[in-house]
Amino acid sequence: MKNKTSVLSREGEAQPSRCPDNSAFKQQRLPAWKPQLTIASVLSCFFLTGAFCLTVGVCLVLSANSAREIQVDYSDKCSDCSKLRENSSNWNKECHCSINFTLKEDILGDVFLYYGLQNFYQNHRRYVMSRSDAQLLGRNVNIQRSNCAPFSTYRNGTPMAPCGAIANSMFNDTIDLVYNINSSMIQVPLLKTGNSWWTDKNVKFRNPESYNLSSAFAGTARPPYWQKPVYLLDEEDERNNGYVNDDFIIWMRVSAFATFRNLYRRIRRVRRFAEGLPAGNYTFQISYNFPVTRFKGRKHVILSTVVWSGGSNPFLGIAYLVSGTAATLAGFVITGIHLKLRKKKTYFQKQ
């Protein structure tokens, strides 16, 4: 005997029924809408999608092309420093090089200074995982249990701060911009704070709590490739020091591609540079510390402006143009197939 709630087993005991409840949802009796695809609706979707993507793509490409950008490759121009840095025994020796360039027109508005790396693979799985987020939050953690190895502790057991391969390979070239006018050299004022995301600066990265940073990092040591400890990354600004240093935070945000650029500085719009960078002769003064020859890499320094769609990168606009073109061509192909089949149908009906 069977009912809504139970069934009788062979022994006569009532067993719960596995039948779903007699409801519209569980019995799949809910009202549904099934679109009726007609040739008019299908072609309208294709052509409207194509028109939308083409319009957006053209706007994005024009916007990206309107951004001004100056890119200088200094890998070969600083070859003497590069050879010096390839020898690890020269890690504490300073090496400087200068690169001259000319701006033929004024660059108005906000100007951003980037450093770029080529053929540097930050997307390697072990490299991406080689960090301790708990340590970067200022917590007292056991580094040996993290994913930082082999950049976790020294042979004597002293933990590294910060640990991991990402932190150890931090970009450490120093780049200054000089304006040459009337036989005089004017240092272009650069802003080194306010370049990282707010969530990184206030949520993901924090310094250990202590009355000063040197005591907060007591008992730790700098990573092997660093020239100074983490609490001396910015000796001029205490708020931009330690784990909350902007340059460090930006480097810890790894790139998905082997060629990438990171924001380094912003031009401070004061005095002579209130409107941007005036036309004239400039010099990049570089303290060369980051070797790239062994992995066949290249280094660039970039001056760029931004527009409403971002920087000088037409990739998104090209993607929209390709999508819009594909949708439009698909619409024409479907139209041709429809007309051809309709002619055949009319011919057979007449026969």
Foldseek 3Di string as FASTA:
>chain_A
DDDDAFDQDPVRDTHGDPDDDPDCVVVVVDDDDDDDDDLVVLLVVLQVLLVVLLVVLVVLQVQLVVKDKDKDWCCVVQVVVLVQQVPVVNQPPWDKGKDKDFFPFFRFDKKFKKKKKAQADCPDPLQLQQFDLCVQAADDDDQVPGSQPPFAADPVGQGAAGGHDLLLQQDDKDKWKWAADPNDTHTFDWDQPPQDDPCCLPPRGDHHDDPARVVSQPSHDHTPSDPDGQQVPPVPDNSLTHSNNPSSSQSSPTDNDRIDMTTGIIGDLDDPQVGHGGTHMMMMMMTDNRHDVVSPMIMMMMMIDADPSGHNDSPSSVVSNVSSVVSNVVSVVSVVVVVVVVVVVVVVVVD
